[in-house]
Protein backbone atom coordinates (compact mmCIF):
# COMPACT_ATOMS: atom_id res chain seq x y z
CA MET A 1 99.80 121.15 108.67
CA SER A 2 97.30 121.49 111.50
CA ALA A 3 97.52 119.42 114.63
CA ALA A 4 95.57 116.15 114.73
CA ALA A 5 93.40 117.51 117.53
CA ASP A 6 91.91 119.98 115.11
CA PHE A 7 90.21 117.14 113.27
CA ASP A 8 89.74 114.65 116.10
CA THR A 9 87.12 112.15 114.90
CA THR A 10 87.03 108.38 115.17
CA LEU A 11 87.59 108.11 111.39
CA ILE A 12 90.62 110.34 111.42
CA ARG A 13 92.10 108.72 114.51
CA SER A 14 91.56 105.18 113.09
CA GLY A 15 93.13 106.26 109.83
CA ILE A 16 96.16 107.79 111.48
CA HIS A 17 96.70 104.78 113.76
CA ALA A 18 95.93 101.93 111.42
CA THR A 19 98.89 99.75 110.85
CA THR A 20 97.60 96.25 110.33
CA ILE A 21 95.60 94.85 107.46
CA SER A 22 92.70 94.38 109.88
CA GLU A 23 92.85 98.06 111.04
CA LEU A 24 93.15 99.31 107.48
CA SER A 25 90.25 97.19 106.41
CA LYS A 26 88.08 98.61 109.25
CA PHE A 27 89.21 102.14 108.26
CA VAL A 28 88.06 101.55 104.66
CA ASP A 29 84.79 99.99 105.84
CA THR A 30 84.17 103.24 107.92
CA ILE A 31 84.78 105.45 104.96
CA GLU A 32 82.44 103.35 102.82
CA SER A 33 79.65 103.37 105.42
CA ARG A 34 80.02 106.95 106.73
CA PRO A 35 77.19 109.31 105.68
CA LEU A 36 78.51 111.60 102.95
CA ASP A 37 77.67 114.81 104.80
CA ARG A 38 79.63 113.67 107.84
CA LEU A 39 82.48 112.47 105.67
CA LEU A 40 82.67 115.92 103.95
CA SER A 41 83.04 117.59 107.36
CA GLU A 42 86.04 115.31 108.05
CA LEU A 43 87.91 116.08 104.77
CA PRO A 44 90.43 118.42 106.36
CA GLY A 45 91.46 115.53 108.64
CA PHE A 46 92.26 113.39 105.58
CA ALA A 47 95.32 115.62 104.94
CA LEU A 48 96.74 114.29 108.22
CA PHE A 49 97.09 110.77 106.74
CA SER A 50 100.37 109.46 105.35
CA ASN A 51 100.48 109.37 101.55
CA SER A 52 99.59 105.67 101.38
CA LYS A 53 96.61 106.05 103.68
CA PHE A 54 95.51 109.20 101.91
CA ASP A 55 95.60 107.37 98.57
CA LEU A 56 93.63 104.54 100.01
CA ALA A 57 90.96 107.01 101.40
CA ARG A 58 90.98 108.86 98.05
CA SER A 59 90.21 105.72 96.11
CA VAL A 60 87.28 104.84 98.43
CA VAL A 61 85.88 108.42 98.25
CA ARG A 62 86.17 108.52 94.46
CA ARG A 63 84.48 105.17 94.13
CA ARG A 64 81.60 106.39 96.26
CA ALA A 65 81.38 109.63 94.26
CA ARG A 66 81.32 107.80 90.96
CA ALA A 67 78.29 105.83 92.13
CA LEU A 68 76.25 108.95 92.69
CA PRO A 69 74.00 110.56 90.04
CA ASP A 70 75.68 113.41 88.21
CA VAL A 71 73.79 116.12 90.08
CA GLU A 72 74.66 114.63 93.51
CA ARG A 73 78.27 114.16 92.45
CA GLU A 74 78.52 117.75 91.41
CA GLN A 75 76.95 118.90 94.67
CA LEU A 76 79.49 116.77 96.55
CA ARG A 77 82.36 118.37 94.56
CA ILE A 78 80.99 121.87 95.25
CA HIS A 79 80.69 121.20 98.94
CA ALA A 80 84.25 119.74 99.04
CA GLU A 81 85.50 122.88 97.26
CA GLU A 82 83.87 124.97 100.00
CA VAL A 83 85.61 122.85 102.64
CA ALA A 84 88.88 123.19 100.80
CA ALA A 85 88.54 126.98 100.47
CA SER A 86 88.28 127.20 104.25
CA THR A 87 91.67 125.43 104.81
CA ASP A 88 95.28 126.31 104.12
CA VAL A 89 96.75 125.76 100.72
CA GLU A 90 98.31 122.34 101.40
CA LEU A 91 95.13 120.96 102.93
CA ALA A 92 93.02 122.41 100.10
CA GLU A 93 95.12 120.71 97.44
CA ARG A 94 94.71 117.35 99.06
CA ILE A 95 90.93 117.86 99.56
CA ARG A 96 90.49 118.86 95.91
CA SER A 97 92.49 115.88 94.76
CA LEU A 98 89.84 113.59 96.33
CA PHE A 99 87.35 114.69 93.61
CA ALA A 100 89.68 115.34 90.69
């Protein structure tokens, strides 16, 4: 996996370092409020999360995607696929699983 510095954003840092309920809640709030275009650019950093934090992030991203109209949801999936295609195999699998 790539080093954390490769995906150094406040969202990724907060997700990696969140250990308390309060920190995890703030992390989820950030995912929920982050503009989708910005969130998409941070997808490779999601692969740096532990499995439990990744699962939490995945559930929030999926919930946001389900709320979109079909056309926008498909555009989101296509863009995520483009992001996944530009990463290594392990990262790509995790990114694709966000929208599966």
